[in-house]
C-alpha atoms as a PDB file:
ATOM      1  CA  MET A   1       0.000   0.000   0.000  1.00  0.00           C
ATOM      2  CA  SER A   2       1.348   3.429  -0.870  1.00  0.00           C
ATOM      3  CA  PRO A   3       2.525   5.737   1.928  1.00  0.00           C
ATOM      4  CA  LEU A   4      -0.070   8.318   0.884  1.00  0.00           C
ATOM      5  CA  LEU A   5      -2.883   5.768   1.170  1.00  0.00           C
ATOM      6  CA  ILE A   6      -1.578   4.609   4.556  1.00  0.00           C
ATOM      7  CA  ALA A   7      -1.531   8.234   5.725  1.00  0.00           C
ATOM      8  CA  ALA A   8      -5.132   8.722   4.538  1.00  0.00           C
ATOM      9  CA  VAL A   9      -6.327   5.574   6.332  1.00  0.00           C
ATOM     10  CA  ALA A  10      -4.425   6.639   9.468  1.00  0.00           C
ATOM     11  CA  TRP A  11      -6.044  10.081   9.298  1.00  0.00           C
ATOM     12  CA  PHE A  12      -9.541   8.583   9.102  1.00  0.00           C
ATOM     13  CA  HIS A  13      -8.733   6.085  11.850  1.00  0.00           C
ATOM     14  CA  LEU A  14      -7.603   8.855  14.190  1.00  0.00           C
ATOM     15  CA  LEU A  15     -10.603  11.004  13.278  1.00  0.00           C
ATOM     16  CA  PHE A  16     -13.053   8.200  14.075  1.00  0.00           C
ATOM     17  CA  ALA A  17     -11.213   7.430  17.343  1.00  0.00           C
ATOM     18  CA  VAL A  18     -11.369  11.072  18.422  1.00  0.00           C
ATOM     19  CA  VAL A  19     -15.069  11.242  17.560  1.00  0.00           C
ATOM     20  CA  TRP A  20     -15.903   8.075  19.524  1.00  0.00           C
ATOM     21  CA  ILE A  21     -13.894   8.912  22.624  1.00  0.00           C
ATOM     22  CA  GLY A  22     -14.819  12.580  22.389  1.00  0.00           C
ATOM     23  CA  SER A  23     -18.535  11.836  22.248  1.00  0.00           C
ATOM     24  CA  SER A  24     -18.257   9.682  25.350  1.00  0.00           C
ATOM     25  CA  ILE A  25     -16.279  12.296  27.265  1.00  0.00           C
ATOM     26  CA  MET A  26     -18.699  15.008  26.088  1.00  0.00           C
ATOM     27  CA  PHE A  27     -21.551  12.927  27.478  1.00  0.00           C
ATOM     28  CA  PHE A  28     -19.896  12.705  30.912  1.00  0.00           C
ATOM     29  CA  VAL A  29     -18.460  16.191  31.178  1.00  0.00           C
ATOM     30  CA  VAL A  30     -21.136  18.331  29.496  1.00  0.00           C
ATOM     31  CA  LEU A  31     -24.374  16.549  28.642  1.00  0.00           C
ATOM     32  CA  GLY A  32     -24.727  14.495  31.824  1.00  0.00           C
ATOM     33  CA  PRO A  33     -24.453  17.453  34.211  1.00  0.00           C
ATOM     34  CA  VAL A  34     -26.645  19.687  32.020  1.00  0.00           C
ATOM     35  CA  VAL A  35     -29.353  17.086  31.445  1.00  0.00           C
ATOM     36  CA  SER A  36     -29.457  16.166  35.137  1.00  0.00           C
ATOM     37  CA  ARG A  37     -30.511  19.761  35.920  1.00  0.00           C
ATOM     38  CA  LEU A  38     -33.374  19.835  33.427  1.00  0.00           C
ATOM     39  CA  THR A  39     -36.969  19.395  34.476  1.00  0.00           C
ATOM     40  CA  PRO A  40     -38.171  15.791  34.215  1.00  0.00           C
ATOM     41  CA  GLY A  41     -40.208  16.605  31.092  1.00  0.00           C
ATOM     42  CA  SER A  42     -37.315  18.353  29.357  1.00  0.00           C
ATOM     43  CA  ARG A  43     -34.938  15.543  30.351  1.00  0.00           C
ATOM     44  CA  ALA A  44     -37.319  12.954  28.916  1.00  0.00           C
ATOM     45  CA  GLU A  45     -37.771  14.943  25.693  1.00  0.00           C
ATOM     46  CA  PHE A  46     -33.996  15.307  25.275  1.00  0.00           C
ATOM     47  CA  THR A  47     -33.339  11.631  26.002  1.00  0.00           C
ATOM     48  CA  VAL A  48     -35.988  10.386  23.557  1.00  0.00           C
ATOM     49  CA  MET A  49     -34.410  12.483  20.805  1.00  0.00           C
ATOM     50  CA  PHE A  50     -30.743  12.013  21.772  1.00  0.00           C
ATOM     51  CA  PHE A  51     -30.332   8.258  22.352  1.00  0.00           C
ATOM     52  CA  PRO A  52     -31.579   7.076  18.925  1.00  0.00           C
ATOM     53  CA  LYS A  53     -29.512   9.720  17.086  1.00  0.00           C
ATOM     54  CA  MET A  54     -26.419   8.831  19.098  1.00  0.00           C
ATOM     55  CA  GLU A  55     -26.920   5.134  18.368  1.00  0.00           C
ATOM     56  CA  ARG A  56     -27.163   5.757  14.606  1.00  0.00           C
ATOM     57  CA  PHE A  57     -24.149   8.061  14.724  1.00  0.00           C
ATOM     58  CA  LEU A  58     -21.986   5.548  16.595  1.00  0.00           C
ATOM     59  CA  ASN A  59     -23.116   2.668  14.385  1.00  0.00           C
ATOM     60  CA  PHE A  60     -21.546   4.622  11.541  1.00  0.00           C
ATOM     61  CA  VAL A  61     -18.381   5.843  13.298  1.00  0.00           C
ATOM     62  CA  VAL A  62     -17.289   2.763  15.255  1.00  0.00           C
ATOM     63  CA  PRO A  63     -17.421   0.185  12.440  1.00  0.00           C
ATOM     64  CA  LEU A  64     -15.412   2.600  10.271  1.00  0.00           C
ATOM     65  CA  LEU A  65     -12.945   3.052  13.136  1.00  0.00           C
ATOM     66  CA  LEU A  66     -12.496  -0.709  13.488  1.00  0.00           C
ATOM     67  CA  LEU A  67     -12.279  -1.259   9.734  1.00  0.00           C
ATOM     68  CA  SER A  68      -9.721   1.509   9.236  1.00  0.00           C
ATOM     69  CA  GLY A  69      -7.701   0.137  12.159  1.00  0.00           C
ATOM     70  CA  GLY A  70      -7.628  -3.331  10.609  1.00  0.00           C
ATOM     71  CA  ILE A  71      -6.604  -1.921   7.243  1.00  0.00           C
ATOM     72  CA  LEU A  72      -3.938   0.223   8.872  1.00  0.00           C
ATOM     73  CA  PHE A  73      -2.530  -2.714  10.841  1.00  0.00           C
ATOM     74  CA  ALA A  74      -2.407  -4.893   7.719  1.00  0.00           C
ATOM     75  CA  ALA A  75      -0.813  -2.103   5.673  1.00  0.00           C
ATOM     76  CA  MET A  76       1.830  -1.314   8.267  1.00  0.00           C
ATOM     77  CA  SER A  77       2.825  -4.949   8.754  1.00  0.00           C
ATOM     78  CA  TRP A  78       2.232  -6.123   5.160  1.00  0.00           C
ATOM     79  CA  GLY A  79       4.908  -8.158   3.455  1.00  0.00           C
ATOM     80  CA  SER A  80       6.895  -8.956   6.552  1.00  0.00           C
ATOM     81  CA  ALA A  81       6.853 -12.128   8.572  1.00  0.00           C
ATOM     82  CA  PHE A  82       4.438 -11.637  11.453  1.00  0.00           C
ATOM     83  CA  VAL A  83       6.493 -11.178  14.586  1.00  0.00           C
ATOM     84  CA  LEU A  84       5.015 -10.416  17.954  1.00  0.00           C
ATOM     85  CA  ASP A  85       7.145  -7.394  18.676  1.00  0.00           C
ATOM     86  CA  THR A  86       6.158  -4.705  21.172  1.00  0.00           C
ATOM     87  CA  TRP A  87       4.346  -2.628  18.555  1.00  0.00           C
ATOM     88  CA  SER A  88       2.179  -5.457  17.268  1.00  0.00           C
ATOM     89  CA  VAL A  89       1.359  -6.715  20.776  1.00  0.00           C
ATOM     90  CA  PHE A  90       0.109  -3.288  21.844  1.00  0.00           C
ATOM     91  CA  VAL A  91      -1.736  -2.636  18.575  1.00  0.00           C
ATOM     92  CA  LEU A  92      -3.416  -6.047  18.723  1.00  0.00           C
ATOM     93  CA  ALA A  93      -4.305  -5.453  22.394  1.00  0.00           C
ATOM     94  CA  GLY A  94      -5.731  -2.043  21.541  1.00  0.00           C
ATOM     95  CA  GLY A  95      -7.658  -3.398  18.574  1.00  0.00           C
ATOM     96  CA  SER A  96      -9.053  -6.232  20.676  1.00  0.00           C
ATOM     97  CA  LEU A  97     -10.086  -3.792  23.401  1.00  0.00           C
ATOM     98  CA  GLY A  98     -11.718  -1.544  20.791  1.00  0.00           C
ATOM     99  CA  LEU A  99     -13.695  -4.451  19.391  1.00  0.00           C
ATOM    100  CA  LEU A 100     -14.645  -5.570  22.925  1.00  0.00           C
ATOM    101  CA  THR A 101     -15.801  -2.033  23.702  1.00  0.00           C
ATOM    102  CA  TYR A 102     -18.055  -1.972  20.657  1.00  0.00           C
ATOM    103  CA  VAL A 103     -19.472  -5.428  21.399  1.00  0.00           C
ATOM    104  CA  PHE A 104     -20.094  -4.360  25.010  1.00  0.00           C
ATOM    105  CA  ALA A 105     -21.874  -1.219  23.811  1.00  0.00           C
ATOM    106  CA  LEU A 106     -24.066  -3.259  21.462  1.00  0.00           C
ATOM    107  CA  ALA A 107     -24.816  -5.864  24.140  1.00  0.00           C
ATOM    108  CA  LYS A 108     -25.376  -3.632  27.185  1.00  0.00           C
ATOM    109  CA  LEU A 109     -25.401   0.103  26.511  1.00  0.00           C
ATOM    110  CA  VAL A 110     -27.606   0.190  23.408  1.00  0.00           C
ATOM    111  CA  PRO A 111     -30.326  -2.096  24.841  1.00  0.00           C
ATOM    112  CA  ALA A 112     -30.373  -0.089  28.087  1.00  0.00           C
ATOM    113  CA  ALA A 113     -30.658   3.196  26.171  1.00  0.00           C
ATOM    114  CA  ARG A 114     -33.441   1.734  24.032  1.00  0.00           C
ATOM    115  CA  LYS A 115     -35.257   0.629  27.189  1.00  0.00           C
ATOM    116  CA  VAL A 116     -34.990   4.132  28.675  1.00  0.00           C
ATOM    117  CA  THR A 117     -36.348   5.613  25.446  1.00  0.00           C
ATOM    118  CA  LEU A 118     -39.197   3.096  25.319  1.00  0.00           C
ATOM    119  CA  LEU A 119     -40.110   3.648  28.976  1.00  0.00           C
ATOM    120  CA  LEU A 120     -40.146   7.414  28.487  1.00  0.00           C
ATOM    121  CA  GLN A 121     -42.293   7.145  25.360  1.00  0.00           C
ATOM    122  CA  SER A 122     -44.739   4.656  26.867  1.00  0.00           C
ATOM    123  CA  GLY A 123     -44.949   6.161  30.328  1.00  0.00           C
ATOM    124  CA  GLY A 124     -43.388   3.143  32.030  1.00  0.00           C
ATOM    125  CA  SER A 125     -43.032   2.898  35.779  1.00  0.00           C
ATOM    126  CA  GLU A 126     -40.662   5.233  37.594  1.00  0.00           C
ATOM    127  CA  GLU A 127     -38.910   2.241  39.178  1.00  0.00           C
ATOM    128  CA  ASP A 128     -38.214   0.615  35.795  1.00  0.00           C
ATOM    129  CA  LEU A 129     -37.021   3.935  34.383  1.00  0.00           C
ATOM    130  CA  ILE A 130     -34.623   4.535  37.264  1.00  0.00           C
ATOM    131  CA  GLY A 131     -33.211   1.019  36.870  1.00  0.00           C
ATOM    132  CA  ALA A 132     -32.717   1.433  33.136  1.00  0.00           C
ATOM    133  CA  GLN A 133     -31.110   4.859  33.616  1.00  0.00           C
ATOM    134  CA  ARG A 134     -28.707   3.393  36.180  1.00  0.00           C
ATOM    135  CA  LEU A 135     -27.792   0.645  33.728  1.00  0.00           C
ATOM    136  CA  VAL A 136     -27.108   3.261  31.014  1.00  0.00           C
ATOM    137  CA  GLY A 137     -24.896   5.170  33.457  1.00  0.00           C
ATOM    138  CA  LEU A 138     -22.960   2.083  34.550  1.00  0.00           C
ATOM    139  CA  ALA A 139     -22.561   0.803  30.997  1.00  0.00           C
ATOM    140  CA  SER A 140     -21.368   4.254  29.910  1.00  0.00           C
ATOM    141  CA  VAL A 141     -18.680   4.240  32.597  1.00  0.00           C
ATOM    142  CA  VAL A 142     -17.519   0.751  31.599  1.00  0.00           C
ATOM    143  CA  GLU A 143     -17.468   1.787  27.939  1.00  0.00           C
ATOM    144  CA  LEU A 144     -15.408   4.899  28.682  1.00  0.00           C
ATOM    145  CA  VAL A 145     -12.905   2.894  30.756  1.00  0.00           C
ATOM    146  CA  LEU A 146     -12.565   0.360  27.931  1.00  0.00           C
ATOM    147  CA  MET A 147     -12.098   3.175  25.392  1.00  0.00           C
ATOM    148  CA  LEU A 148      -9.386   4.777  27.506  1.00  0.00           C
ATOM    149  CA  ALA A 149      -7.648   1.401  27.865  1.00  0.00           C
ATOM    150  CA  THR A 150      -7.828   1.024  24.072  1.00  0.00           C
ATOM    151  CA  PHE A 151      -6.416   4.508  23.585  1.00  0.00           C
ATOM    152  CA  THR A 152      -3.630   3.818  26.107  1.00  0.00           C
ATOM    153  CA  ALA A 153      -2.607   0.625  24.319  1.00  0.00           C
ATOM    154  CA  MET A 154      -2.505   2.386  20.944  1.00  0.00           C
ATOM    155  CA  VAL A 155      -0.469   5.317  22.267  1.00  0.00           C
ATOM    156  CA  ALA A 156       1.897   2.900  24.005  1.00  0.00           C
ATOM    157  CA  ALA A 157       2.421   1.080  20.683  1.00  0.00           C
ATOM    158  CA  GLY A 158       3.793   4.295  19.237  1.00  0.00           C
ATOM    159  CA  PHE A 159       6.263   4.916  22.047  1.00  0.00           C
ATOM    160  CA  LEU A 160       7.433   1.498  23.245  1.00  0.00           C
END
């Protein structure tokens, strides 16, 4: 693969990584505190509009992030005998953590967010809504920790 093409794939990979991690951090640092201060009706209206849009957005960004990472890894190690050196160990660890993070989000975070949205739209019980919101919060924390571990592994690959 040409160096220019590798640079383009790397650029997109970094862009998608920044968008994914940035959206998660934005949720914790800005949206969470702001939304928690809204009236219950405004919070429900925001949540019903936000969660489905965020899900569609991330279902575009994250697969492209993972795909570009796989292409980049293949391009940067293409033509040489595969050796588990420090770089490849950290890149493979980071890629595995990234994939795990996405699978976790699809298995836990997305269903919990859908449940919150459904409960808000259907007027479900307050107890069920609180439980689903707690699950979204917990899953969001786990996802952010996994993303930061992924990011740490990838940065370490560049410096070790």
